[in-house]
C-alpha cells in the first residue's frame, strides 16, 4: 500500500479506507500520529527522503503496538537495506525531524506555513 507509485485499484482503495478506520480506532497514540503524518505528507509533496522517514516512523510504531513495546530498532535498521534511494542518509538518522525538513526545504502540512 505504501511502497508503489502505481494507482490503486478500487479494491485496494476499499482496503485502505478500512485500514484508515481501524488504525484510528485501535492504534495507539503513536501509530495514529505516525500514520496521520505519513498520510498528510504523501499528497503534500514530501521529498522522497521525508516520505521514507515518515514510513519508517510508522513501521516503528507498528512494531511497538503489535510486537515489542520496548523495541529499540531504529529507522536505519528498519529501512537501511532500501536506503540506497535516499539522497542523504541523515534523513533517517537525524533525531530532529524539523532539521531534516529544513535541509530538504519542505514544510510539513501539520506545521502550517
C-alpha atoms as a PDB file:
ATOM      1  CA  UNK A   1       0.000   0.000   0.000  1.00  0.00           C
ATOM      2  CA  UNK A   2       2.882   2.411   0.692  1.00  0.00           C
ATOM      3  CA  UNK A   3       5.649   1.056  -1.494  1.00  0.00           C
ATOM      4  CA  UNK A   4       4.371   1.655  -5.013  1.00  0.00           C
ATOM      5  CA  UNK A   5       3.677   4.627  -7.235  1.00  0.00           C
ATOM      6  CA  UNK A   6       1.035   2.664  -9.154  1.00  0.00           C
ATOM      7  CA  UNK A   7      -2.503   3.984  -8.910  1.00  0.00           C
ATOM      8  CA  UNK A   8      -4.518   1.786  -6.552  1.00  0.00           C
ATOM      9  CA  UNK A   9      -7.322  -0.396  -7.813  1.00  0.00           C
ATOM     10  CA  UNK A  10     -10.841   0.062  -6.450  1.00  0.00           C
ATOM     11  CA  UNK A  11     -10.338  -2.963  -4.211  1.00  0.00           C
ATOM     12  CA  UNK A  12      -7.063  -1.532  -2.877  1.00  0.00           C
ATOM     13  CA  UNK A  13      -8.798   1.791  -2.140  1.00  0.00           C
ATOM     14  CA  UNK A  14     -11.534  -0.077  -0.274  1.00  0.00           C
ATOM     15  CA  UNK A  15      -8.882  -1.897   1.762  1.00  0.00           C
ATOM     16  CA  UNK A  16      -7.098   1.395   2.519  1.00  0.00           C
ATOM     17  CA  UNK A  17     -10.316   3.051   3.731  1.00  0.00           C
ATOM     18  CA  UNK A  18     -10.940   0.087   6.023  1.00  0.00           C
ATOM     19  CA  UNK A  19      -7.315   0.241   7.204  1.00  0.00           C
ATOM     20  CA  UNK A  20      -7.646   4.002   7.890  1.00  0.00           C
ATOM     21  CA  UNK A  21     -10.669   3.352  10.087  1.00  0.00           C
ATOM     22  CA  UNK A  22      -9.078   0.521  12.059  1.00  0.00           C
ATOM     23  CA  UNK A  23      -5.807   2.387  12.586  1.00  0.00           C
ATOM     24  CA  UNK A  24      -7.682   5.287  14.131  1.00  0.00           C
ATOM     25  CA  UNK A  25      -9.936   3.085  16.268  1.00  0.00           C
ATOM     26  CA  UNK A  26      -7.431   0.512  17.531  1.00  0.00           C
ATOM     27  CA  UNK A  27      -3.988   2.021  17.008  1.00  0.00           C
ATOM     28  CA  UNK A  28      -2.009   3.539  19.843  1.00  0.00           C
ATOM     29  CA  UNK A  29      -1.495   7.280  20.007  1.00  0.00           C
ATOM     30  CA  UNK A  30       1.942   6.744  18.438  1.00  0.00           C
ATOM     31  CA  UNK A  31       0.502   4.833  15.487  1.00  0.00           C
ATOM     32  CA  UNK A  32      -2.279   7.347  14.891  1.00  0.00           C
ATOM     33  CA  UNK A  33       0.223  10.221  14.949  1.00  0.00           C
ATOM     34  CA  UNK A  34       2.740   8.478  12.666  1.00  0.00           C
ATOM     35  CA  UNK A  35       0.054   7.321  10.225  1.00  0.00           C
ATOM     36  CA  UNK A  36      -1.517  10.780  10.134  1.00  0.00           C
ATOM     37  CA  UNK A  37       1.822  12.371   9.319  1.00  0.00           C
ATOM     38  CA  UNK A  38       2.522   9.809   6.611  1.00  0.00           C
ATOM     39  CA  UNK A  39      -0.900  10.282   5.023  1.00  0.00           C
ATOM     40  CA  UNK A  40      -0.578  14.087   5.156  1.00  0.00           C
ATOM     41  CA  UNK A  41       2.990  14.101   3.878  1.00  0.00           C
ATOM     42  CA  UNK A  42       2.491  11.941   0.798  1.00  0.00           C
ATOM     43  CA  UNK A  43      -0.044  14.153  -1.030  1.00  0.00           C
ATOM     44  CA  UNK A  44       1.669  17.330   0.230  1.00  0.00           C
ATOM     45  CA  UNK A  45       4.716  16.738  -1.921  1.00  0.00           C
ATOM     46  CA  UNK A  46       7.091  15.485   0.763  1.00  0.00           C
ATOM     47  CA  UNK A  47      10.512  14.812  -0.765  1.00  0.00           C
ATOM     48  CA  UNK A  48      11.301  11.096  -1.140  1.00  0.00           C
ATOM     49  CA  UNK A  49      13.704  11.180   1.835  1.00  0.00           C
ATOM     50  CA  UNK A  50      10.936  12.521   4.075  1.00  0.00           C
ATOM     51  CA  UNK A  51       8.414  10.026   2.730  1.00  0.00           C
ATOM     52  CA  UNK A  52      10.915   7.304   3.595  1.00  0.00           C
ATOM     53  CA  UNK A  53      11.370   8.673   7.115  1.00  0.00           C
ATOM     54  CA  UNK A  54       7.635   9.015   7.746  1.00  0.00           C
ATOM     55  CA  UNK A  55       7.140   5.433   6.590  1.00  0.00           C
ATOM     56  CA  UNK A  56       9.936   4.217   8.893  1.00  0.00           C
ATOM     57  CA  UNK A  57       8.419   6.112  11.826  1.00  0.00           C
ATOM     58  CA  UNK A  58       5.073   4.437  11.123  1.00  0.00           C
ATOM     59  CA  UNK A  59       6.664   0.967  10.957  1.00  0.00           C
ATOM     60  CA  UNK A  60       8.440   1.528  14.268  1.00  0.00           C
ATOM     61  CA  UNK A  61       5.134   2.469  15.899  1.00  0.00           C
ATOM     62  CA  UNK A  62       3.502  -0.647  14.416  1.00  0.00           C
ATOM     63  CA  UNK A  63       6.298  -2.758  15.936  1.00  0.00           C
ATOM     64  CA  UNK A  64       5.616  -1.185  19.326  1.00  0.00           C
ATOM     65  CA  UNK A  65       1.886  -1.932  19.062  1.00  0.00           C
ATOM     66  CA  UNK A  66       1.853  -5.458  17.725  1.00  0.00           C
ATOM     67  CA  UNK A  67       5.357  -6.578  18.551  1.00  0.00           C
ATOM     68  CA  UNK A  68       7.670  -5.349  21.257  1.00  0.00           C
ATOM     69  CA  UNK A  69       6.615  -2.161  23.089  1.00  0.00           C
ATOM     70  CA  UNK A  70      10.231  -1.685  24.147  1.00  0.00           C
ATOM     71  CA  UNK A  71      11.651  -2.077  20.643  1.00  0.00           C
ATOM     72  CA  UNK A  72      14.995  -0.398  20.154  1.00  0.00           C
ATOM     73  CA  UNK A  73      15.069  -0.842  16.373  1.00  0.00           C
ATOM     74  CA  UNK A  74      15.754   2.430  14.598  1.00  0.00           C
ATOM     75  CA  UNK A  75      14.898   3.778  11.150  1.00  0.00           C
ATOM     76  CA  UNK A  76      18.153   2.623   9.572  1.00  0.00           C
ATOM     77  CA  UNK A  77      17.663  -0.901  10.847  1.00  0.00           C
ATOM     78  CA  UNK A  78      14.093  -0.962   9.519  1.00  0.00           C
ATOM     79  CA  UNK A  79      14.727   0.640   6.124  1.00  0.00           C
ATOM     80  CA  UNK A  80      18.506   0.615   5.843  1.00  0.00           C
ATOM     81  CA  UNK A  81      18.524  -2.101   3.187  1.00  0.00           C
ATOM     82  CA  UNK A  82      16.431   0.232   0.995  1.00  0.00           C
ATOM     83  CA  UNK A  83      18.423   3.376   1.850  1.00  0.00           C
ATOM     84  CA  UNK A  84      20.268   3.407  -1.480  1.00  0.00           C
ATOM     85  CA  UNK A  85      17.352   5.504  -2.778  1.00  0.00           C
ATOM     86  CA  UNK A  86      17.963   8.254  -0.225  1.00  0.00           C
ATOM     87  CA  UNK A  87      19.684  11.452  -1.266  1.00  0.00           C
ATOM     88  CA  UNK A  88      21.086  11.806   2.271  1.00  0.00           C
ATOM     89  CA  UNK A  89      21.172   9.020   4.879  1.00  0.00           C
ATOM     90  CA  UNK A  90      20.859  11.665   7.603  1.00  0.00           C
ATOM     91  CA  UNK A  91      17.203  11.828   6.616  1.00  0.00           C
ATOM     92  CA  UNK A  92      16.806   8.611   8.616  1.00  0.00           C
ATOM     93  CA  UNK A  93      19.444   9.163  11.272  1.00  0.00           C
ATOM     94  CA  UNK A  94      18.873  12.785  12.351  1.00  0.00           C
ATOM     95  CA  UNK A  95      16.984  12.805  15.621  1.00  0.00           C
ATOM     96  CA  UNK A  96      15.214  16.061  14.817  1.00  0.00           C
ATOM     97  CA  UNK A  97      12.571  15.844  12.085  1.00  0.00           C
ATOM     98  CA  UNK A  98      12.479  19.645  11.679  1.00  0.00           C
ATOM     99  CA  UNK A  99      16.195  19.636  10.827  1.00  0.00           C
ATOM    100  CA  UNK A 100      15.562  17.131   8.039  1.00  0.00           C
ATOM    101  CA  UNK A 101      12.653  19.200   6.722  1.00  0.00           C
ATOM    102  CA  UNK A 102      14.710  22.406   6.722  1.00  0.00           C
ATOM    103  CA  UNK A 103      17.630  20.717   4.958  1.00  0.00           C
ATOM    104  CA  UNK A 104      15.262  19.427   2.262  1.00  0.00           C
ATOM    105  CA  UNK A 105      13.254  22.665   2.023  1.00  0.00           C
ATOM    106  CA  UNK A 106       9.880  21.166   2.947  1.00  0.00           C
ATOM    107  CA  UNK A 107       7.296  22.466   5.421  1.00  0.00           C
ATOM    108  CA  UNK A 108       5.076  19.707   6.846  1.00  0.00           C
ATOM    109  CA  UNK A 109       1.374  20.468   6.362  1.00  0.00           C
ATOM    110  CA  UNK A 110       0.706  19.918  10.067  1.00  0.00           C
ATOM    111  CA  UNK A 111       3.102  22.784  10.884  1.00  0.00           C
ATOM    112  CA  UNK A 112       1.456  25.393   8.656  1.00  0.00           C
ATOM    113  CA  UNK A 113       3.329  27.930   6.572  1.00  0.00           C
END
